[in-house]
Amino acid sequence: MEMIDRGVLLRWTQSSKITAVSWFKNSLIIGNDAGEVYSFHATSFEDAVDANVYQFTKVSSKTIARICSLEPSEWLLVLNADGDLYTVDTFFSSQPSILRKRITCMAKQYVEVPGSVNYDDDLFMPLSCGNSFCVGTENKLYIYACKGPKIEQLRCITVDGVPLVASWLNETIAVGTKEVYYAMSPDGSTCHELCSNPQLDEGDDGESGIMTASCIDNDIMVVCQNIGIFYNTETMGLSKKNTIHWSNSLVALGYVPPFIIGITSEKVVEIYGFRDQLLYQTIYHTNTRFAYYVPERMTMMAATPNVVASLKPKGYYQSFSSALEQRNLKRAMHMVELYFPAEHPATEKELKIAHTIVGWTRFNDLSFPMAFYHFTKGDVDIVHLLSFWMHFADLNIPESYPRNSNIPLNLRQYIPCSMGINEFIEKKIGELGASLQRGTTACRLMEMASASFATFLLQHFDAKNFLQQNTVVENDFGRKLLGALEKTTLLLLAECDDQNCSTIINRAQDESFLDVEECEHQLMQMGKGEVYAKILVKKQRYKEALEIMAKCINEKLAAENSEENSIKIRAICCELASCLHMLIQDAKRDYADPKESSSSVEQMNSILSVHLPLLLESCPNAALGVLTRNHATLPFNTDEIIAMIDMYSDKIYGISSKDLRVKYLEDLVITNKYGNVYENTLLAKYYIDELIAHKKSRGTKDQNASVVKKTLVALLETNNNFDMLELEKLIAKLDLLEATVLVYNKYSRHGDALKTLFGRWPEKDRMKICEAYCLCFGELHPAHEAAAKDGAFKRLFTNIDHWMEKSNEWPLKNHEVYKIGKTEGCIDKLLYELLKIIVEQSKKEEACVYLARDLLSKYMPFCTYNSELKGNNIIELIPDDWNFALFANVFTQMHLKALHEERTIAMKRGLTRSVHSRTSKQLYQLTCVPPRTVDASSICSICQEPIKLGMSIALPPPRQKDGSPPQGPQQSTIMHEQCAKNIHDK
């Protein structure tokens, strides 16, 4: 794809050769090898100039090496091959004058114009010419400025080396010498070394590959070893752009936004993107030797000895359209990055427009997923897009509505005219024909388009933002449009059997624009009654929803049996179960009213009698969910539910009624914790019966039997609500060690439980399991019960690894959490029972003596004075024939522990007595009243009347200020008792 338009400006027919070109206003300026400068009138770059009409002047006897125009001043700078710099007025009305001799380089100032973008053929100037220029001589750089008709030297800057090339952008001058590139300020106050410039080979003179050019985005390019490197003039460091490696040695370098143009020694013009550093075009231009940038025309001039050509980049929209026409959509999207800087205010808008147009191009190609991918990132006109699905939307669009108003006119040609999506697909299939993938059908494309549009509306369309941002949409039409979009989304999702229908249906009322009545007819006509049922559930019209869902299930059951159909049946059954659950929960309020309770129960019984059997036939798991979650509210008892399960369970899925009964009870008892004594016992009986049956079969180890065993043990440990009289006989018949121990535990027969473990557990770990039993079932202090409620306590076999590890602890950690000596379940009593079992077993095993000694040593913290493990009890328990020397350390520790406890108690008692005495003394000092003599001279302090003999008197206690030390006895006042009561009543 060509990014540059080429044209011929001048065909030179004279004997001399063109050696330099320039442009000033509407004039083409050339210089030749005879030292002459010619001026040709040129109105535009599209047409060639008249080679026979010109003005010229003789400047030098040497070849003209370079010409530079100074806008807006009417001067030309002309440099000859000897380095003499002349000033020539543009009208050639005066003789040229020498400004400076032995010039090695010169550059005029360019100033970047922010925000300038080449949209199309409109003129723009990303770089404008300043009124200053610089020239270089040996070790010097002279700064000049055009002030009116005069050219004045401003300053001279010393340079380390001979400046061979220079470029001036904004307030930075880039200078290249044989050895290094510099960046300096025009006033000479700052100077930074950019990079060194080593020679390519020994024969290289070091000057041919030294070039620099002013660009935009505050960047300049310098060339090192034929590699273009970008530097930023603000940071004086490397820019964030990649380098450009030219294919051959450069002879000229130029910049025309947004491209960098290099002319190589092979006379090939290479055009790279400035912002992406990608090669866009290669022009084989014979004998091209130099180039000149014309900023006001945004054009590069390239010249050979006989021809001057123009290289004008295409505008953004023109390049974008060319990429679309060639179906190079990736290149089309890349045009935004090429023409617009990231921080440009129009970049985001143009990127959205590009995505929108590329999306419509994909839409025209029937590539719907990719089309809607671009629509999500673009700014597509939702009204125009919706018009393709108007058979769902049913919306009247006002004639005044401006479609695609945000798209430029020259790009609207890529947007298809609105029509029905079916008609559009049929039409495009006819147009595209063989280019479509084999096996593509209109039906499949329709499904793809609908699914893509539904996903777009569901995930990427925000109704509130749409109303806020689209001022062209009137309020009334806007609400109708949003309602049509929501309805279309729902119908498309329903057509695709997408479960996201629920997302639309369950939106909050203040966020939804959906009209239920408008959807009913179309959903039923599409055969999507289950979706309409969901809408009815949202409106709390449960009975109607149940009838529709039951009808849908029956229709699908009668249809062909396939995996897809089975999945749809299960999905509808889950919705029906959810509706039943909400209906039951809603009916709870009616049960509380005695007047409506009987009628509500009858209605609920009637509904459940119809729909529960259907659920059990179609999807037993969904039915079990209803039965277990609403167990306390259902008008059926457990036996009636089990009878219903037996009747309907295996008609479709082939599940045995026994398995389904167990599944129901497991959900009820284990999962939802709703079971009472009857259900808990019934589930345990099922497990026990299965284990007994497996035991009778004498089969090998069965994984299912192992799972049942673990479940039974976990049930017995986590639940205390059983009919133990009934279970005890069955467990005895089963003869399962864990179950037997747990039965003894529930009857608090800890001695029997420990005896069973000690006698039947493998000898290697029998002490560990017995200790674990004591630690697991030992009662805790109330302060620690809440923390241990959800832990491993009371669950020995479920957490066997934890308790076996705990029994290995010595010394025992956190022993203070256990109660001692208060109830039968205290840990000291459990350990004492274990000690008695060991003593009894010692008659058969002599090693039990050591087991007893180690047990007492390990659990010494529980051997307190009020414990069952106190010394007197131990001595009475130990047989006479045991060697007491083995227990010497144990009894010593017990004695010291008992002595310590007694002394501690005595000390506490003494301290308590002392505190009590001190408190009593203080109370006496606060309330004591000294004796008071009452005689005929005594006067009441309240009424000032004498107190006569026989009258009742009151003596108030002395006042004591809070926090003050107690005072000694004080003389109290005296008053009549009645006066004291009157004061108290006030």
Foldseek 3Di string as FASTA:
>chain_A
DDQWDKDFAFFFDDPWFWQEWDDDDQWTWTWTQQQKIKIFGHPAQHDYTDNVDIDMDRQDRGGWHYWYAAPPAQWIWTAGPQAWTWIAGNVNPDHIDTPDGQWQEKEFEKEADPQWFQAFQDFTFRIDTDQKMWIWHFQKIWIWGDDHNDIDTDDIEGHDGGFNYWYHYDQWIWTDHLFFIWIAGPVRPDIDTAGTADDPDPPDPSRQQWYKEDDPPQWIWTGHNQKTFIAHNVVRYGDPADIARDPARFQEWYDQPQWTWTQHPQRKIWIAQNQHRHTDDIDNHPQFHYWDADRRNSWIWTDHRGTIMIIHGGGLVVQLVVCVVVVVLVVNLCSLSRGDPPPNPCSLQVNQLSLQLVLLSCVLVLVQLSSLVSNLSHPAFVVQVCLQVCVQLVADDDPPQDHPPSHDPVSCVSHDGGDHVLVSLVVSCVVCPPVDDPPDDSVVSVLVNLVNLLCCLVPRDDLVVVVVVDPSQDPVSSLSNQQSSLRSSLVSCLLVVHPCNLVSLPDDPVRHSHDLVVNVVVCVVSVNLQSNLSNCVSVVVLVVSLVSLLVSLVVLVPDDDDPVSLVVNVVSLLVNLVSLQVVLVVCVVQCVDPVRNVVSLVVNVVVCVPVLLVSLQRPLVSSLVSCQVCVVRHPDDLVVVLVSLCVRNCNPPNDHSLVSNLVSLCCNCPVVNNDAAVSLAVNLVSLLVVLVVVVVVVDDDDPVNVVSVLVSLQSLQVDLGYPLVVVVVSCVVSVDLSVNLSSCVSVLVLLVSLLSLLVPPPVVCSLLLLQLVLVQQAAFDPVCCVVCVPPCHSRCVNPVVVSSVQSPDAQHPPPNGGDFQDDCRHSLNSLVSNLLSLQVCCVVPVCSVVVNLVSLNNVVVRQEPNHCNDDVNVVVRHDPPDDCVSCPVSVVSNVVRHVVVVVVVVVVVVVVVVVVVVVVVQVCLQFPADDDDADQPAAAPQPRHTDDPPFAKDWDGDDDDPPDGRDHHDHTGMHGPVSVVVVVVD
